[in-house]
Amino acid sequence: MKRIILITGRPGIGKTTLIKKIINDFKDKHVLVGFYTEEVRQHGVRVGFRIINLEGASDWLAHIEYFRGGPRIGKYWVNIDAIKRVGISTLINNLSKAELIIIDEIGPMELLHPDFLNTINMVVNSEKPIIATIHEKYSRYRELSSLVHRDDTELIVLTLSNRDSIYVKVKDLIKNLLLASGT
């Protein structure tokens, strides 16, 4: 049984929606630890992303106007401090109590923080069940490719035609993982 479930697919395909459904399905019966990202739109136009941990803390991850002078991915300026405060710290401080770890997303913005990849490696080596989304172009990053190709990892590509059936599959995989881990 694969312990790490990675979801990939093009932007806007529904990766975060899938993660949020999984959170809602399991949050009342299990200790979930991690974070997800949400796009923020103003007048129908995407202006940035927020990072939100499962304890409710949130901050801007990136924005088209804020954080100028910092690192940039495409048209977005990235808030490195939020990655540490809301993402990395959540994983480090709560790993021991986690029954299921949620990470949305392992991608270029998050990788800008020098501690993010080390934190992901720590989490992956914890033996805890993990569901995460990973940038569709993960193969451009050696470290992410090695994560995808681990023996205990299952990579699932989300598409328009399979996203409903993938949700059912992922939910069942997580149920089995949690049963196997005794939680």
C-alpha atoms as a PDB file:
ATOM      1  CA  MET A   1       0.000   0.000   0.000  1.00  0.00           C
ATOM      2  CA  LYS A   2       1.325   3.431  -0.946  1.00  0.00           C
ATOM      3  CA  ARG A   3       1.594   5.810   2.028  1.00  0.00           C
ATOM      4  CA  ILE A   4       2.087   9.044   0.093  1.00  0.00           C
ATOM      5  CA  ILE A   5      -0.615  10.131  -2.337  1.00  0.00           C
ATOM      6  CA  LEU A   6       0.422  12.916  -4.690  1.00  0.00           C
ATOM      7  CA  ILE A   7      -2.169  14.665  -6.834  1.00  0.00           C
ATOM      8  CA  THR A   8      -1.027  16.580  -9.904  1.00  0.00           C
ATOM      9  CA  GLY A   9      -2.705  18.226 -12.859  1.00  0.00           C
ATOM     10  CA  ARG A  10      -2.894  21.501 -14.674  1.00  0.00           C
ATOM     11  CA  PRO A  11      -3.758  24.700 -12.772  1.00  0.00           C
ATOM     12  CA  GLY A  12      -7.468  25.107 -12.101  1.00  0.00           C
ATOM     13  CA  ILE A  13      -8.296  21.420 -12.622  1.00  0.00           C
ATOM     14  CA  GLY A  14      -9.547  20.913  -9.050  1.00  0.00           C
ATOM     15  CA  LYS A  15      -6.577  19.792  -6.951  1.00  0.00           C
ATOM     16  CA  THR A  16      -7.375  22.133  -4.060  1.00  0.00           C
ATOM     17  CA  THR A  17     -11.074  21.320  -4.325  1.00  0.00           C
ATOM     18  CA  LEU A  18     -10.189  17.634  -3.943  1.00  0.00           C
ATOM     19  CA  ILE A  19      -7.986  18.397  -0.924  1.00  0.00           C
ATOM     20  CA  LYS A  20     -10.745  20.444   0.723  1.00  0.00           C
ATOM     21  CA  LYS A  21     -13.249  17.592   0.204  1.00  0.00           C
ATOM     22  CA  ILE A  22     -10.793  15.168   1.835  1.00  0.00           C
ATOM     23  CA  ILE A  23     -10.318  17.570   4.766  1.00  0.00           C
ATOM     24  CA  ASN A  24     -14.088  17.769   5.251  1.00  0.00           C
ATOM     25  CA  ASP A  25     -14.453  13.979   5.026  1.00  0.00           C
ATOM     26  CA  PHE A  26     -11.825  13.163   7.660  1.00  0.00           C
ATOM     27  CA  LYS A  27     -11.497  16.176   9.992  1.00  0.00           C
ATOM     28  CA  ASP A  28     -14.090  15.032  12.536  1.00  0.00           C
ATOM     29  CA  LYS A  29     -12.648  11.550  13.104  1.00  0.00           C
ATOM     30  CA  HIS A  30      -8.898  12.052  12.631  1.00  0.00           C
ATOM     31  CA  VAL A  31      -6.157  14.509  13.495  1.00  0.00           C
ATOM     32  CA  LEU A  32      -5.305  16.278  10.257  1.00  0.00           C
ATOM     33  CA  VAL A  33      -2.228  18.488  10.063  1.00  0.00           C
ATOM     34  CA  GLY A  34      -1.168  20.692   7.202  1.00  0.00           C
ATOM     35  CA  PHE A  35      -2.252  23.483   4.926  1.00  0.00           C
ATOM     36  CA  TYR A  36      -3.911  24.308   1.634  1.00  0.00           C
ATOM     37  CA  THR A  37      -3.837  27.252  -0.737  1.00  0.00           C
ATOM     38  CA  GLU A  38      -6.712  29.150  -2.263  1.00  0.00           C
ATOM     39  CA  GLU A  39      -6.765  31.498  -5.174  1.00  0.00           C
ATOM     40  CA  VAL A  40      -8.146  34.974  -4.509  1.00  0.00           C
ATOM     41  CA  ARG A  41     -10.121  36.760  -7.184  1.00  0.00           C
ATOM     42  CA  GLN A  42     -11.230  40.361  -7.412  1.00  0.00           C
ATOM     43  CA  HIS A  43     -13.819  41.259 -10.040  1.00  0.00           C
ATOM     44  CA  GLY A  44     -13.330  37.819 -11.612  1.00  0.00           C
ATOM     45  CA  VAL A  45      -9.568  38.199 -11.972  1.00  0.00           C
ATOM     46  CA  ARG A  46      -7.087  36.136  -9.953  1.00  0.00           C
ATOM     47  CA  VAL A  47      -4.923  38.513  -7.913  1.00  0.00           C
ATOM     48  CA  GLY A  48      -3.138  36.055  -5.679  1.00  0.00           C
ATOM     49  CA  PHE A  49      -3.180  33.082  -3.358  1.00  0.00           C
ATOM     50  CA  ARG A  50      -3.694  32.598   0.367  1.00  0.00           C
ATOM     51  CA  ILE A  51      -2.088  29.858   2.418  1.00  0.00           C
ATOM     52  CA  ILE A  52      -4.349  28.475   5.168  1.00  0.00           C
ATOM     53  CA  ASN A  53      -3.402  25.924   7.800  1.00  0.00           C
ATOM     54  CA  LEU A  54      -5.885  23.467   9.262  1.00  0.00           C
ATOM     55  CA  GLU A  55      -5.871  25.370  12.545  1.00  0.00           C
ATOM     56  CA  GLY A  56      -7.347  28.394  10.731  1.00  0.00           C
ATOM     57  CA  ALA A  57      -4.309  30.674  10.441  1.00  0.00           C
ATOM     58  CA  SER A  58      -3.902  32.250   7.025  1.00  0.00           C
ATOM     59  CA  ASP A  59      -1.841  34.802   5.146  1.00  0.00           C
ATOM     60  CA  TRP A  60      -1.110  35.880   1.608  1.00  0.00           C
ATOM     61  CA  LEU A  61       1.111  33.363  -0.158  1.00  0.00           C
ATOM     62  CA  ALA A  62       1.458  35.530  -3.256  1.00  0.00           C
ATOM     63  CA  HIS A  63      -0.117  38.607  -4.800  1.00  0.00           C
ATOM     64  CA  ILE A  64       0.211  40.614  -8.006  1.00  0.00           C
ATOM     65  CA  GLU A  65       0.885  43.858  -6.077  1.00  0.00           C
ATOM     66  CA  TYR A  66       1.967  43.030  -2.517  1.00  0.00           C
ATOM     67  CA  PHE A  67       5.473  41.849  -1.539  1.00  0.00           C
ATOM     68  CA  ARG A  68       7.247  43.732  -4.355  1.00  0.00           C
ATOM     69  CA  GLY A  69      10.972  43.369  -4.164  1.00  0.00           C
ATOM     70  CA  GLY A  70      10.764  39.785  -2.984  1.00  0.00           C
ATOM     71  CA  PRO A  71      10.865  36.667  -5.130  1.00  0.00           C
ATOM     72  CA  ARG A  72       8.495  36.420  -8.041  1.00  0.00           C
ATOM     73  CA  ILE A  73       6.800  33.526  -9.846  1.00  0.00           C
ATOM     74  CA  GLY A  74       5.104  34.656 -13.043  1.00  0.00           C
ATOM     75  CA  LYS A  75       3.091  37.768 -12.238  1.00  0.00           C
ATOM     76  CA  TYR A  76       2.941  36.993  -8.507  1.00  0.00           C
ATOM     77  CA  TRP A  77       5.193  38.348  -5.755  1.00  0.00           C
ATOM     78  CA  VAL A  78       5.700  35.619  -3.142  1.00  0.00           C
ATOM     79  CA  ASN A  79       5.397  36.151   0.617  1.00  0.00           C
ATOM     80  CA  ILE A  80       8.252  33.986   1.924  1.00  0.00           C
ATOM     81  CA  ASP A  81       7.354  34.721   5.573  1.00  0.00           C
ATOM     82  CA  ALA A  82       3.879  33.197   5.152  1.00  0.00           C
ATOM     83  CA  ILE A  83       5.357  29.959   3.861  1.00  0.00           C
ATOM     84  CA  LYS A  84       7.324  29.637   7.114  1.00  0.00           C
ATOM     85  CA  ARG A  85       4.646  30.930   9.499  1.00  0.00           C
ATOM     86  CA  VAL A  86       1.582  29.157   8.095  1.00  0.00           C
ATOM     87  CA  GLY A  87       3.027  26.170   6.216  1.00  0.00           C
ATOM     88  CA  ILE A  88       6.392  25.013   7.534  1.00  0.00           C
ATOM     89  CA  SER A  89       5.719  25.787  11.209  1.00  0.00           C
ATOM     90  CA  THR A  90       2.382  23.980  11.087  1.00  0.00           C
ATOM     91  CA  LEU A  91       4.004  20.831   9.768  1.00  0.00           C
ATOM     92  CA  ILE A  92       6.968  20.920  12.165  1.00  0.00           C
ATOM     93  CA  ASN A  93       4.993  21.801  15.303  1.00  0.00           C
ATOM     94  CA  ASN A  94       2.173  19.307  14.768  1.00  0.00           C
ATOM     95  CA  LEU A  95       3.798  16.359  13.018  1.00  0.00           C
ATOM     96  CA  SER A  96       3.896  14.107  16.080  1.00  0.00           C
ATOM     97  CA  LYS A  97       0.121  14.282  16.634  1.00  0.00           C
ATOM     98  CA  ALA A  98      -0.861  13.985  12.944  1.00  0.00           C
ATOM     99  CA  GLU A  99      -2.851  10.999  11.754  1.00  0.00           C
ATOM    100  CA  LEU A 100      -3.019  12.376   8.215  1.00  0.00           C
ATOM    101  CA  ILE A 101      -0.839  15.090   6.713  1.00  0.00           C
ATOM    102  CA  ILE A 102      -2.291  17.458   4.112  1.00  0.00           C
ATOM    103  CA  ILE A 103      -0.017  19.563   1.885  1.00  0.00           C
ATOM    104  CA  ASP A 104      -1.441  21.749  -0.877  1.00  0.00           C
ATOM    105  CA  GLU A 105       0.851  22.520  -2.692  1.00  0.00           C
ATOM    106  CA  ILE A 106       4.398  21.358  -3.228  1.00  0.00           C
ATOM    107  CA  GLY A 107       5.307  23.794  -5.962  1.00  0.00           C
ATOM    108  CA  PRO A 108       7.587  26.603  -7.126  1.00  0.00           C
ATOM    109  CA  MET A 109       6.230  29.262  -4.746  1.00  0.00           C
ATOM    110  CA  GLU A 110       6.669  27.093  -1.666  1.00  0.00           C
ATOM    111  CA  LEU A 111      10.098  25.916  -2.800  1.00  0.00           C
ATOM    112  CA  LEU A 112      11.311  29.523  -2.662  1.00  0.00           C
ATOM    113  CA  HIS A 113      11.579  29.200   1.124  1.00  0.00           C
ATOM    114  CA  PRO A 114      14.954  27.603   1.926  1.00  0.00           C
ATOM    115  CA  ASP A 115      13.432  25.367   4.647  1.00  0.00           C
ATOM    116  CA  PHE A 116      10.427  24.097   2.705  1.00  0.00           C
ATOM    117  CA  LEU A 117      12.074  21.150   0.979  1.00  0.00           C
ATOM    118  CA  ASN A 118      13.801  20.039   4.210  1.00  0.00           C
ATOM    119  CA  THR A 119      10.432  20.153   5.957  1.00  0.00           C
ATOM    120  CA  ILE A 120       8.806  18.095   3.193  1.00  0.00           C
ATOM    121  CA  ASN A 121      11.606  15.529   3.489  1.00  0.00           C
ATOM    122  CA  MET A 122      11.117  15.376   7.269  1.00  0.00           C
ATOM    123  CA  VAL A 123       7.368  14.833   6.816  1.00  0.00           C
ATOM    124  CA  VAL A 124       7.847  12.216   4.098  1.00  0.00           C
ATOM    125  CA  ASN A 125      10.285  10.315   6.293  1.00  0.00           C
ATOM    126  CA  SER A 126       7.915  10.388   9.287  1.00  0.00           C
ATOM    127  CA  GLU A 127       6.017   7.281   8.111  1.00  0.00           C
ATOM    128  CA  LYS A 128       2.709   9.188   8.486  1.00  0.00           C
ATOM    129  CA  PRO A 129       0.042   8.970   5.753  1.00  0.00           C
ATOM    130  CA  ILE A 130       0.265  11.975   3.431  1.00  0.00           C
ATOM    131  CA  ILE A 131      -1.943  13.449   0.751  1.00  0.00           C
ATOM    132  CA  ALA A 132      -0.414  16.326  -1.153  1.00  0.00           C
ATOM    133  CA  THR A 133      -0.731  18.195  -4.379  1.00  0.00           C
ATOM    134  CA  ILE A 134       2.374  18.659  -6.470  1.00  0.00           C
ATOM    135  CA  HIS A 135       3.026  21.083  -9.311  1.00  0.00           C
ATOM    136  CA  GLU A 136       2.346  19.568 -12.715  1.00  0.00           C
ATOM    137  CA  LYS A 137       5.890  20.365 -13.846  1.00  0.00           C
ATOM    138  CA  TYR A 138       7.488  18.576 -10.901  1.00  0.00           C
ATOM    139  CA  SER A 139       9.968  16.874 -13.235  1.00  0.00           C
ATOM    140  CA  ARG A 140      11.782  20.214 -13.617  1.00  0.00           C
ATOM    141  CA  TYR A 141      12.883  19.853  -9.987  1.00  0.00           C
ATOM    142  CA  ARG A 142      15.201  16.956  -9.160  1.00  0.00           C
ATOM    143  CA  GLU A 143      14.035  16.831  -5.529  1.00  0.00           C
ATOM    144  CA  LEU A 144      10.367  16.668  -6.521  1.00  0.00           C
ATOM    145  CA  SER A 145      11.004  13.986  -9.119  1.00  0.00           C
ATOM    146  CA  SER A 146      12.679  11.847  -6.472  1.00  0.00           C
ATOM    147  CA  LEU A 147       9.647  12.317  -4.202  1.00  0.00           C
ATOM    148  CA  VAL A 148       7.302  11.204  -6.987  1.00  0.00           C
ATOM    149  CA  HIS A 149       9.412   8.130  -7.723  1.00  0.00           C
ATOM    150  CA  ARG A 150       9.651   6.818  -4.154  1.00  0.00           C
ATOM    151  CA  ASP A 151       8.417   3.256  -3.682  1.00  0.00           C
ATOM    152  CA  ASP A 152       5.795   4.400  -1.159  1.00  0.00           C
ATOM    153  CA  THR A 153       4.330   7.132  -3.395  1.00  0.00           C
ATOM    154  CA  GLU A 154       1.344   6.967  -5.702  1.00  0.00           C
ATOM    155  CA  LEU A 155       1.039   9.773  -8.259  1.00  0.00           C
ATOM    156  CA  ILE A 156      -2.453  10.533  -9.512  1.00  0.00           C
ATOM    157  CA  VAL A 157      -3.034  12.869 -12.446  1.00  0.00           C
ATOM    158  CA  LEU A 158      -6.277  14.808 -12.113  1.00  0.00           C
ATOM    159  CA  THR A 159      -8.135  15.660 -15.340  1.00  0.00           C
ATOM    160  CA  LEU A 160     -11.561  17.017 -16.209  1.00  0.00           C
ATOM    161  CA  SER A 161     -12.734  13.560 -17.206  1.00  0.00           C
ATOM    162  CA  ASN A 162     -11.527  11.708 -14.103  1.00  0.00           C
ATOM    163  CA  ARG A 163     -11.843  14.155 -11.228  1.00  0.00           C
ATOM    164  CA  ASP A 164     -15.068  12.735  -9.797  1.00  0.00           C
ATOM    165  CA  SER A 165     -13.828   9.143  -9.879  1.00  0.00           C
ATOM    166  CA  ILE A 166     -10.411  10.201  -8.532  1.00  0.00           C
ATOM    167  CA  TYR A 167     -12.083  11.752  -5.489  1.00  0.00           C
ATOM    168  CA  VAL A 168     -13.719   8.405  -4.660  1.00  0.00           C
ATOM    169  CA  LYS A 169     -10.444   6.561  -5.271  1.00  0.00           C
ATOM    170  CA  VAL A 170      -8.427   8.945  -3.065  1.00  0.00           C
ATOM    171  CA  LYS A 171     -11.011   8.828  -0.294  1.00  0.00           C
ATOM    172  CA  ASP A 172     -10.842   5.017  -0.300  1.00  0.00           C
ATOM    173  CA  LEU A 173      -7.035   5.041  -0.349  1.00  0.00           C
ATOM    174  CA  ILE A 174      -6.960   7.325   2.680  1.00  0.00           C
ATOM    175  CA  LYS A 175      -9.499   5.215   4.559  1.00  0.00           C
ATOM    176  CA  ASN A 176      -7.299   2.165   3.979  1.00  0.00           C
ATOM    177  CA  LEU A 177      -4.149   4.058   4.998  1.00  0.00           C
ATOM    178  CA  LEU A 178      -5.746   5.234   8.220  1.00  0.00           C
ATOM    179  CA  LEU A 179      -7.027   1.733   9.006  1.00  0.00           C
ATOM    180  CA  ALA A 180      -3.586   0.259   8.357  1.00  0.00           C
ATOM    181  CA  SER A 181      -1.973   2.830  10.629  1.00  0.00           C
ATOM    182  CA  GLY A 182      -4.440   1.970  13.406  1.00  0.00           C
ATOM    183  CA  THR A 183      -6.145   5.368  13.541  1.00  0.00           C
END
